[in-house]
């Protein structure tokens, strides 16, 4: 089984994540590196979020287009929730006219 790593860009459909895999190709004449991306619809039984870095492998067909399954989350985008503070008012208050 080939293991592939990619970035989750969409989780709108249930049990499905769209994973984008980027690779670089060197132009044969100009020798410039060109970024190529491929999007894979992947079966999601783990419950990943947008922005997660995941590893997936090929598997049995789950639907017409899904032939891959997520095996593990490499990097998660879950961040701690910051507590919002109201700004303190400094200086004189405005007088009513």
PDB file of N, CA and C in Angstrom:
ATOM      1  N   UNK A   1       0.829  -1.183   0.000  1.00  0.00           N
ATOM      2  CA  UNK A   1       0.000   0.000   0.000  1.00  0.00           C
ATOM      3  C   UNK A   1       0.872   1.244   0.000  1.00  0.00           C
ATOM      4  N   UNK A   2       0.511   2.193  -0.818  1.00  0.00           N
ATOM      5  CA  UNK A   2       1.243   3.439  -0.895  1.00  0.00           C
ATOM      6  C   UNK A   2       0.675   4.424   0.125  1.00  0.00           C
ATOM      7  N   UNK A   3       1.541   4.992   0.955  1.00  0.00           N
ATOM      8  CA  UNK A   3       1.125   5.974   1.946  1.00  0.00           C
ATOM      9  C   UNK A   3       1.374   7.366   1.383  1.00  0.00           C
ATOM     10  N   UNK A   4       0.358   8.215   1.504  1.00  0.00           N
ATOM     11  CA  UNK A   4       0.440   9.562   0.967  1.00  0.00           C
ATOM     12  C   UNK A   4       0.067  10.552   2.048  1.00  0.00           C
ATOM     13  N   UNK A   5       0.738  11.706   2.062  1.00  0.00           N
ATOM     14  CA  UNK A   5       0.436  12.752   3.025  1.00  0.00           C
ATOM     15  C   UNK A   5      -0.155  13.939   2.298  1.00  0.00           C
ATOM     16  N   UNK A   6      -1.114  14.597   2.959  1.00  0.00           N
ATOM     17  CA  UNK A   6      -1.732  15.756   2.351  1.00  0.00           C
ATOM     18  C   UNK A   6      -2.421  16.630   3.372  1.00  0.00           C
ATOM     19  N   UNK A   7      -3.000  17.725   2.901  1.00  0.00           N
ATOM     20  CA  UNK A   7      -3.661  18.716   3.730  1.00  0.00           C
ATOM     21  C   UNK A   7      -5.159  18.662   3.493  1.00  0.00           C
ATOM     22  N   UNK A   8      -5.949  18.587   4.572  1.00  0.00           N
ATOM     23  CA  UNK A   8      -7.408  18.551   4.456  1.00  0.00           C
ATOM     24  C   UNK A   8      -7.895  19.951   4.108  1.00  0.00           C
ATOM     25  N   UNK A   9      -8.624  20.081   2.998  1.00  0.00           N
ATOM     26  CA  UNK A   9      -9.108  21.387   2.588  1.00  0.00           C
ATOM     27  C   UNK A   9     -10.623  21.501   2.666  1.00  0.00           C
ATOM     28  N   UNK A  10     -11.330  20.364   2.803  1.00  0.00           N
ATOM     29  CA  UNK A  10     -12.785  20.422   2.893  1.00  0.00           C
ATOM     30  C   UNK A  10     -13.310  19.202   3.636  1.00  0.00           C
ATOM     31  N   UNK A  11     -14.302  19.445   4.510  1.00  0.00           N
ATOM     32  CA  UNK A  11     -14.977  18.359   5.226  1.00  0.00           C
ATOM     33  C   UNK A  11     -16.481  18.572   5.199  1.00  0.00           C
ATOM     34  N   UNK A  12     -16.995  19.088   4.095  1.00  0.00           N
ATOM     35  CA  UNK A  12     -18.416  19.419   4.011  1.00  0.00           C
ATOM     36  C   UNK A  12     -19.309  18.178   3.947  1.00  0.00           C
ATOM     37  N   UNK A  13     -18.873  17.153   3.233  1.00  0.00           N
ATOM     38  CA  UNK A  13     -19.677  15.940   3.112  1.00  0.00           C
ATOM     39  C   UNK A  13     -19.444  15.021   4.308  1.00  0.00           C
ATOM     40  N   UNK A  14     -20.479  14.325   4.767  1.00  0.00           N
ATOM     41  CA  UNK A  14     -20.275  13.408   5.897  1.00  0.00           C
ATOM     42  C   UNK A  14     -19.396  12.225   5.486  1.00  0.00           C
ATOM     43  N   UNK A  15     -18.487  11.823   6.375  1.00  0.00           N
ATOM     44  CA  UNK A  15     -17.577  10.687   6.178  1.00  0.00           C
ATOM     45  C   UNK A  15     -16.632  10.870   4.988  1.00  0.00           C
ATOM     46  N   UNK A  16     -16.489  12.111   4.492  1.00  0.00           N
ATOM     47  CA  UNK A  16     -15.609  12.374   3.363  1.00  0.00           C
ATOM     48  C   UNK A  16     -14.781  13.618   3.642  1.00  0.00           C
ATOM     49  N   UNK A  17     -13.503  13.553   3.329  1.00  0.00           N
ATOM     50  CA  UNK A  17     -12.620  14.709   3.419  1.00  0.00           C
ATOM     51  C   UNK A  17     -11.905  14.859   2.088  1.00  0.00           C
ATOM     52  N   UNK A  18     -11.776  16.086   1.629  1.00  0.00           N
ATOM     53  CA  UNK A  18     -11.023  16.358   0.415  1.00  0.00           C
ATOM     54  C   UNK A  18      -9.599  16.708   0.859  1.00  0.00           C
ATOM     55  N   UNK A  19      -8.633  15.908   0.406  1.00  0.00           N
ATOM     56  CA  UNK A  19      -7.242  16.083   0.812  1.00  0.00           C
ATOM     57  C   UNK A  19      -6.437  16.512  -0.414  1.00  0.00           C
ATOM     58  N   UNK A  20      -5.651  17.583  -0.252  1.00  0.00           N
ATOM     59  CA  UNK A  20      -4.839  18.107  -1.337  1.00  0.00           C
ATOM     60  C   UNK A  20      -3.390  17.698  -1.123  1.00  0.00           C
ATOM     61  N   UNK A  21      -2.807  17.083  -2.152  1.00  0.00           N
ATOM     62  CA  UNK A  21      -1.420  16.634  -2.101  1.00  0.00           C
ATOM     63  C   UNK A  21      -0.627  17.478  -3.090  1.00  0.00           C
ATOM     64  N   UNK A  22       0.445  18.113  -2.594  1.00  0.00           N
ATOM     65  CA  UNK A  22       1.286  18.967  -3.438  1.00  0.00           C
ATOM     66  C   UNK A  22       2.585  18.230  -3.761  1.00  0.00           C
ATOM     67  N   UNK A  23       3.026  18.373  -4.997  1.00  0.00           N
ATOM     68  CA  UNK A  23       4.303  17.801  -5.405  1.00  0.00           C
ATOM     69  C   UNK A  23       4.984  18.820  -6.316  1.00  0.00           C
ATOM     70  N   UNK A  24       6.289  18.725  -6.432  1.00  0.00           N
ATOM     71  CA  UNK A  24       7.037  19.634  -7.283  1.00  0.00           C
ATOM     72  C   UNK A  24       7.613  18.873  -8.461  1.00  0.00           C
ATOM     73  N   UNK A  25       7.498  19.479  -9.637  1.00  0.00           N
ATOM     74  CA  UNK A  25       7.990  18.880 -10.865  1.00  0.00           C
ATOM     75  C   UNK A  25       8.995  19.850 -11.479  1.00  0.00           C
ATOM     76  N   UNK A  26      10.082  19.323 -11.994  1.00  0.00           N
ATOM     77  CA  UNK A  26      11.096  20.168 -12.624  1.00  0.00           C
ATOM     78  C   UNK A  26      10.819  20.229 -14.126  1.00  0.00           C
ATOM     79  N   UNK A  27      10.762  21.457 -14.663  1.00  0.00           N
ATOM     80  CA  UNK A  27      10.525  21.632 -16.086  1.00  0.00           C
ATOM     81  C   UNK A  27      11.724  21.083 -16.870  1.00  0.00           C
ATOM     82  N   UNK A  28      11.475  20.292 -17.936  1.00  0.00           N
ATOM     83  CA  UNK A  28      12.584  19.637 -18.640  1.00  0.00           C
ATOM     84  C   UNK A  28      13.548  20.596 -19.344  1.00  0.00           C
ATOM     85  N   UNK A  29      13.072  21.742 -19.805  1.00  0.00           N
ATOM     86  CA  UNK A  29      13.946  22.666 -20.529  1.00  0.00           C
ATOM     87  C   UNK A  29      14.452  23.785 -19.614  1.00  0.00           C
ATOM     88  N   UNK A  30      13.521  24.432 -18.908  1.00  0.00           N
ATOM     89  CA  UNK A  30      13.882  25.606 -18.107  1.00  0.00           C
ATOM     90  C   UNK A  30      14.378  25.253 -16.708  1.00  0.00           C
ATOM     91  N   UNK A  31      14.211  24.008 -16.307  1.00  0.00           N
ATOM     92  CA  UNK A  31      14.643  23.509 -15.010  1.00  0.00           C
ATOM     93  C   UNK A  31      14.087  24.321 -13.839  1.00  0.00           C
ATOM     94  N   UNK A  32      12.895  24.831 -14.001  1.00  0.00           N
ATOM     95  CA  UNK A  32      12.219  25.559 -12.936  1.00  0.00           C
ATOM     96  C   UNK A  32      11.299  24.583 -12.205  1.00  0.00           C
ATOM     97  N   UNK A  33      11.241  24.721 -10.882  1.00  0.00           N
ATOM     98  CA  UNK A  33      10.352  23.856 -10.098  1.00  0.00           C
ATOM     99  C   UNK A  33       8.928  24.375 -10.188  1.00  0.00           C
ATOM    100  N   UNK A  34       8.007  23.489 -10.558  1.00  0.00           N
ATOM    101  CA  UNK A  34       6.597  23.841 -10.710  1.00  0.00           C
ATOM    102  C   UNK A  34       5.798  23.054  -9.695  1.00  0.00           C
ATOM    103  N   UNK A  35       4.930  23.739  -8.951  1.00  0.00           N
ATOM    104  CA  UNK A  35       4.102  23.083  -7.941  1.00  0.00           C
ATOM    105  C   UNK A  35       2.848  22.530  -8.609  1.00  0.00           C
ATOM    106  N   UNK A  36       2.588  21.257  -8.400  1.00  0.00           N
ATOM    107  CA  UNK A  36       1.392  20.589  -8.914  1.00  0.00           C
ATOM    108  C   UNK A  36       0.609  20.048  -7.728  1.00  0.00           C
ATOM    109  N   UNK A  37      -0.700  20.236  -7.740  1.00  0.00           N
ATOM    110  CA  UNK A  37      -1.538  19.734  -6.652  1.00  0.00           C
ATOM    111  C   UNK A  37      -2.592  18.795  -7.206  1.00  0.00           C
ATOM    112  N   UNK A  38      -2.937  17.804  -6.411  1.00  0.00           N
ATOM    113  CA  UNK A  38      -3.975  16.841  -6.748  1.00  0.00           C
ATOM    114  C   UNK A  38      -4.911  16.735  -5.554  1.00  0.00           C
ATOM    115  N   UNK A  39      -6.203  16.697  -5.811  1.00  0.00           N
ATOM    116  CA  UNK A  39      -7.189  16.576  -4.744  1.00  0.00           C
ATOM    117  C   UNK A  39      -7.791  15.173  -4.753  1.00  0.00           C
ATOM    118  N   UNK A  40      -7.824  14.575  -3.561  1.00  0.00           N
ATOM    119  CA  UNK A  40      -8.363  13.227  -3.409  1.00  0.00           C
ATOM    120  C   UNK A  40      -9.564  13.253  -2.474  1.00  0.00           C
ATOM    121  N   UNK A  41     -10.705  12.673  -2.885  1.00  0.00           N
ATOM    122  CA  UNK A  41     -11.793  12.455  -1.923  1.00  0.00           C
ATOM    123  C   UNK A  41     -11.457  11.208  -1.104  1.00  0.00           C
ATOM    124  N   UNK A  42     -11.341  11.372   0.207  1.00  0.00           N
ATOM    125  CA  UNK A  42     -10.852  10.311   1.082  1.00  0.00           C
ATOM    126  C   UNK A  42     -11.916   9.966   2.109  1.00  0.00           C
ATOM    127  N   UNK A  43     -12.067   8.680   2.419  1.00  0.00           N
ATOM    128  CA  UNK A  43     -13.013   8.247   3.446  1.00  0.00           C
ATOM    129  C   UNK A  43     -12.482   8.655   4.819  1.00  0.00           C
ATOM    130  N   UNK A  44     -13.330   9.336   5.597  1.00  0.00           N
ATOM    131  CA  UNK A  44     -12.918   9.877   6.892  1.00  0.00           C
ATOM    132  C   UNK A  44     -13.712   9.200   8.004  1.00  0.00           C
ATOM    133  N   UNK A  45     -13.106   8.219   8.664  1.00  0.00           N
ATOM    134  CA  UNK A  45     -13.762   7.579   9.801  1.00  0.00           C
ATOM    135  C   UNK A  45     -13.240   8.134  11.126  1.00  0.00           C
ATOM    136  N   UNK A  46     -12.167   8.948  11.067  1.00  0.00           N
ATOM    137  CA  UNK A  46     -11.565   9.521  12.272  1.00  0.00           C
ATOM    138  C   UNK A  46     -12.277  10.791  12.704  1.00  0.00           C
ATOM    139  N   UNK A  47     -12.630  11.630  11.754  1.00  0.00           N
ATOM    140  CA  UNK A  47     -13.246  12.914  12.054  1.00  0.00           C
ATOM    141  C   UNK A  47     -12.219  14.033  12.060  1.00  0.00           C
ATOM    142  N   UNK A  48     -11.636  14.324  10.904  1.00  0.00           N
ATOM    143  CA  UNK A  48     -10.611  15.354  10.808  1.00  0.00           C
ATOM    144  C   UNK A  48     -11.245  16.722  10.568  1.00  0.00           C
ATOM    145  N   UNK A  49     -10.442  17.763  10.729  1.00  0.00           N
ATOM    146  CA  UNK A  49     -10.905  19.140  10.533  1.00  0.00           C
ATOM    147  C   UNK A  49     -10.111  19.777   9.394  1.00  0.00           C
ATOM    148  N   UNK A  50     -10.617  20.901   8.894  1.00  0.00           N
ATOM    149  CA  UNK A  50      -9.913  21.627   7.842  1.00  0.00           C
ATOM    150  C   UNK A  50      -8.554  22.082   8.353  1.00  0.00           C
ATOM    151  N   UNK A  51      -7.536  21.931   7.534  1.00  0.00           N
ATOM    152  CA  UNK A  51      -6.196  22.353   7.897  1.00  0.00           C
ATOM    153  C   UNK A  51      -5.345  21.270   8.522  1.00  0.00           C
ATOM    154  N   UNK A  52      -5.911  20.095   8.802  1.00  0.00           N
ATOM    155  CA  UNK A  52      -5.131  19.001   9.380  1.00  0.00           C
ATOM    156  C   UNK A  52      -4.218  18.386   8.328  1.00  0.00           C
ATOM    157  N   UNK A  53      -3.037  17.998   8.755  1.00  0.00           N
ATOM    158  CA  UNK A  53      -2.109  17.251   7.898  1.00  0.00           C
ATOM    159  C   UNK A  53      -2.362  15.772   8.179  1.00  0.00           C
ATOM    160  N   UNK A  54      -2.731  14.990   7.153  1.00  0.00           N
ATOM    161  CA  UNK A  54      -3.113  13.598   7.356  1.00  0.00           C
ATOM    162  C   UNK A  54      -2.310  12.665   6.458  1.00  0.00           C
ATOM    163  N   UNK A  55      -2.337  11.383   6.824  1.00  0.00           N
ATOM    164  CA  UNK A  55      -1.741  10.329   6.009  1.00  0.00           C
ATOM    165  C   UNK A  55      -2.872   9.404   5.585  1.00  0.00           C
ATOM    166  N   UNK A  56      -2.901   9.037   4.296  1.00  0.00           N
ATOM    167  CA  UNK A  56      -3.947   8.135   3.811  1.00  0.00           C
ATOM    168  C   UNK A  56      -3.346   7.088   2.898  1.00  0.00           C
ATOM    169  N   UNK A  57      -4.065   5.956   2.775  1.00  0.00           N
ATOM    170  CA  UNK A  57      -3.619   4.841   1.945  1.00  0.00           C
ATOM    171  C   UNK A  57      -4.760   4.431   1.029  1.00  0.00           C
ATOM    172  N   UNK A  58      -4.411   3.701  -0.026  1.00  0.00           N
ATOM    173  CA  UNK A  58      -5.442   3.190  -0.922  1.00  0.00           C
ATOM    174  C   UNK A  58      -6.162   2.019  -0.261  1.00  0.00           C
ATOM    175  N   UNK A  59      -7.432   1.845  -0.614  1.00  0.00           N
ATOM    176  CA  UNK A  59      -8.243   0.800   0.017  1.00  0.00           C
ATOM    177  C   UNK A  59      -9.346   0.374  -0.943  1.00  0.00           C
ATOM    178  N   UNK A  60     -10.299  -0.335  -0.390  1.00  0.00           N
ATOM    179  CA  UNK A  60     -11.433  -0.775  -1.203  1.00  0.00           C
ATOM    180  C   UNK A  60     -12.261   0.439  -1.626  1.00  0.00           C
ATOM    181  N   UNK A  61     -13.029   0.343  -2.696  1.00  0.00           N
ATOM    182  CA  UNK A  61     -13.874   1.463  -3.108  1.00  0.00           C
ATOM    183  C   UNK A  61     -15.021   1.687  -2.114  1.00  0.00           C
ATOM    184  N   UNK A  62     -15.106   2.910  -1.590  1.00  0.00           N
ATOM    185  CA  UNK A  62     -16.201   3.274  -0.696  1.00  0.00           C
ATOM    186  C   UNK A  62     -17.350   3.898  -1.474  1.00  0.00           C
ATOM    187  N   UNK A  63     -17.047   4.498  -2.607  1.00  0.00           N
ATOM    188  CA  UNK A  63     -18.073   5.071  -3.470  1.00  0.00           C
ATOM    189  C   UNK A  63     -17.483   5.170  -4.876  1.00  0.00           C
ATOM    190  N   UNK A  64     -18.155   5.920  -5.749  1.00  0.00           N
ATOM    191  CA  UNK A  64     -17.684   6.048  -7.123  1.00  0.00           C
ATOM    192  C   UNK A  64     -16.297   6.682  -7.193  1.00  0.00           C
ATOM    193  N   UNK A  65     -16.031   7.647  -6.323  1.00  0.00           N
ATOM    194  CA  UNK A  65     -14.748   8.353  -6.398  1.00  0.00           C
ATOM    195  C   UNK A  65     -13.825   8.114  -5.208  1.00  0.00           C
ATOM    196  N   UNK A  66     -14.337   7.599  -4.089  1.00  0.00           N
ATOM    197  CA  UNK A  66     -13.514   7.403  -2.885  1.00  0.00           C
ATOM    198  C   UNK A  66     -12.871   6.022  -2.895  1.00  0.00           C
ATOM    199  N   UNK A  67     -11.533   6.012  -3.003  1.00  0.00           N
ATOM    200  CA  UNK A  67     -10.774   4.760  -2.971  1.00  0.00           C
ATOM    201  C   UNK A  67      -9.589   4.851  -2.027  1.00  0.00           C
ATOM    202  N   UNK A  68      -9.661   5.783  -1.071  1.00  0.00           N
ATOM    203  CA  UNK A  68      -8.615   5.990  -0.085  1.00  0.00           C
ATOM    204  C   UNK A  68      -9.243   6.141   1.292  1.00  0.00           C
ATOM    205  N   UNK A  69      -8.450   5.858   2.339  1.00  0.00           N
ATOM    206  CA  UNK A  69      -8.931   5.986   3.710  1.00  0.00           C
ATOM    207  C   UNK A  69      -7.836   6.640   4.551  1.00  0.00           C
ATOM    208  N   UNK A  70      -8.247   7.526   5.465  1.00  0.00           N
ATOM    209  CA  UNK A  70      -7.303   8.216   6.340  1.00  0.00           C
ATOM    210  C   UNK A  70      -6.855   7.245   7.425  1.00  0.00           C
ATOM    211  N   UNK A  71      -5.529   7.126   7.606  1.00  0.00           N
ATOM    212  CA  UNK A  71      -4.986   6.230   8.623  1.00  0.00           C
ATOM    213  C   UNK A  71      -4.612   6.972   9.895  1.00  0.00           C
ATOM    214  N   UNK A  72      -4.040   8.185   9.772  1.00  0.00           N
ATOM    215  CA  UNK A  72      -3.698   8.938  10.978  1.00  0.00           C
ATOM    216  C   UNK A  72      -3.588  10.421  10.678  1.00  0.00           C
ATOM    217  N   UNK A  73      -3.728  11.208  11.746  1.00  0.00           N
ATOM    218  CA  UNK A  73      -3.574  12.652  11.668  1.00  0.00           C
ATOM    219  C   UNK A  73      -2.142  12.972  12.083  1.00  0.00           C
ATOM    220  N   UNK A  74      -1.394  13.624  11.208  1.00  0.00           N
ATOM    221  CA  UNK A  74      -0.006  13.959  11.505  1.00  0.00           C
ATOM    222  C   UNK A  74       0.064  15.244  12.326  1.00  0.00           C
ATOM    223  N   UNK A  75      -0.598  16.292  11.850  1.00  0.00           N
ATOM    224  CA  UNK A  75      -0.621  17.571  12.546  1.00  0.00           C
ATOM    225  C   UNK A  75      -2.054  18.053  12.613  1.00  0.00           C
ATOM    226  N   UNK A  76      -2.483  18.414  13.813  1.00  0.00           N
ATOM    227  CA  UNK A  76      -3.840  18.900  14.009  1.00  0.00           C
ATOM    228  C   UNK A  76      -3.822  20.413  14.118  1.00  0.00           C
ATOM    229  N   UNK A  77      -4.926  21.048  13.715  1.00  0.00           N
ATOM    230  CA  UNK A  77      -5.018  22.500  13.769  1.00  0.00           C
ATOM    231  C   UNK A  77      -5.811  22.986  14.965  1.00  0.00           C
ATOM    232  N   UNK A  78      -6.098  22.113  15.904  1.00  0.00           N
ATOM    233  CA  UNK A  78      -6.879  22.513  17.072  1.00  0.00           C
ATOM    234  C   UNK A  78      -6.020  23.437  17.920  1.00  0.00           C
ATOM    235  N   UNK A  79      -6.532  24.649  18.161  1.00  0.00           N
ATOM    236  CA  UNK A  79      -5.813  25.636  18.944  1.00  0.00           C
ATOM    237  C   UNK A  79      -6.600  25.947  20.201  1.00  0.00           C
ATOM    238  N   UNK A  80      -5.928  26.303  21.295  1.00  0.00           N
ATOM    239  CA  UNK A  80      -6.661  26.647  22.503  1.00  0.00           C
ATOM    240  C   UNK A  80      -7.477  27.915  22.298  1.00  0.00           C
ATOM    241  N   UNK A  81      -8.639  27.942  22.923  1.00  0.00           N
ATOM    242  CA  UNK A  81      -9.533  29.082  22.788  1.00  0.00           C
ATOM    243  C   UNK A  81      -9.015  30.215  23.660  1.00  0.00           C
ATOM    244  N   UNK A  82      -8.867  31.386  23.053  1.00  0.00           N
ATOM    245  CA  UNK A  82      -8.392  32.543  23.799  1.00  0.00           C
ATOM    246  C   UNK A  82      -9.583  33.243  24.447  1.00  0.00           C
ATOM    247  N   UNK A  83      -9.367  33.690  25.649  1.00  0.00           N
ATOM    248  CA  UNK A  83     -10.422  34.395  26.361  1.00  0.00           C
ATOM    249  C   UNK A  83     -10.436  35.837  25.880  1.00  0.00           C
ATOM    250  N   UNK A  84     -11.604  36.309  25.458  1.00  0.00           N
ATOM    251  CA  UNK A  84     -11.722  37.668  24.957  1.00  0.00           C
ATOM    252  C   UNK A  84     -11.856  38.641  26.121  1.00  0.00           C
ATOM    253  N   UNK A  85     -11.106  39.720  26.056  1.00  0.00           N
ATOM    254  CA  UNK A  85     -11.168  40.751  27.080  1.00  0.00           C
ATOM    255  C   UNK A  85     -11.702  42.022  26.452  1.00  0.00           C
ATOM    256  N   UNK A  86     -12.544  42.716  27.191  1.00  0.00           N
ATOM    257  CA  UNK A  86     -13.049  43.992  26.705  1.00  0.00           C
ATOM    258  C   UNK A  86     -11.982  45.051  26.959  1.00  0.00           C
ATOM    259  N   UNK A  87     -11.754  45.928  25.992  1.00  0.00           N
ATOM    260  CA  UNK A  87     -10.744  46.966  26.197  1.00  0.00           C
ATOM    261  C   UNK A  87     -11.198  47.945  27.285  1.00  0.00           C
ATOM    262  N   UNK A  88     -10.254  48.333  28.113  1.00  0.00           N
ATOM    263  CA  UNK A  88     -10.562  49.286  29.166  1.00  0.00           C
ATOM    264  C   UNK A  88     -10.561  50.689  28.589  1.00  0.00           C
ATOM    265  N   UNK A  89     -11.510  51.503  29.067  1.00  0.00           N
ATOM    266  CA  UNK A  89     -11.593  52.877  28.592  1.00  0.00           C
ATOM    267  C   UNK A  89     -10.618  53.724  29.395  1.00  0.00           C
ATOM    268  N   UNK A  90      -9.808  54.460  28.685  1.00  0.00           N
ATOM    269  CA  UNK A  90      -8.850  55.339  29.330  1.00  0.00           C
ATOM    270  C   UNK A  90      -9.144  56.782  28.955  1.00  0.00           C
ATOM    271  N   UNK A  91      -8.851  57.695  29.845  1.00  0.00           N
ATOM    272  CA  UNK A  91      -9.013  59.111  29.556  1.00  0.00           C
ATOM    273  C   UNK A  91     -10.394  59.593  29.986  1.00  0.00           C
ATOM    274  N   UNK A  92     -10.669  60.826  29.641  1.00  0.00           N
ATOM    275  CA  UNK A  92     -11.926  61.467  30.029  1.00  0.00           C
ATOM    276  C   UNK A  92     -13.083  60.953  29.194  1.00  0.00           C
ATOM    277  N   UNK A  93     -14.261  60.960  29.793  1.00  0.00           N
ATOM    278  CA  UNK A  93     -15.459  60.552  29.063  1.00  0.00           C
ATOM    279  C   UNK A  93     -16.044  61.741  28.345  1.00  0.00           C
ATOM    280  N   UNK A  94     -16.798  61.483  27.319  1.00  0.00           N
ATOM    281  CA  UNK A  94     -17.423  62.566  26.557  1.00  0.00           C
ATOM    282  C   UNK A  94     -18.594  63.134  27.336  1.00  0.00           C
ATOM    283  N   UNK A  95     -18.739  64.431  27.319  1.00  0.00           N
ATOM    284  CA  UNK A  95     -19.845  65.088  28.014  1.00  0.00           C
ATOM    285  C   UNK A  95     -21.041  65.172  27.096  1.00  0.00           C
ATOM    286  N   UNK A  96     -22.198  64.995  27.659  1.00  0.00           N
ATOM    287  CA  UNK A  96     -23.442  65.109  26.883  1.00  0.00           C
ATOM    288  C   UNK A  96     -23.751  66.569  26.675  1.00  0.00           C
ATOM    289  N   UNK A  97     -24.209  66.935  25.511  1.00  0.00           N
ATOM    290  CA  UNK A  97     -24.550  68.331  25.201  1.00  0.00           C
ATOM    291  C   UNK A  97     -26.013  68.561  25.327  1.00  0.00           C
TER     292      UNK A  97
END
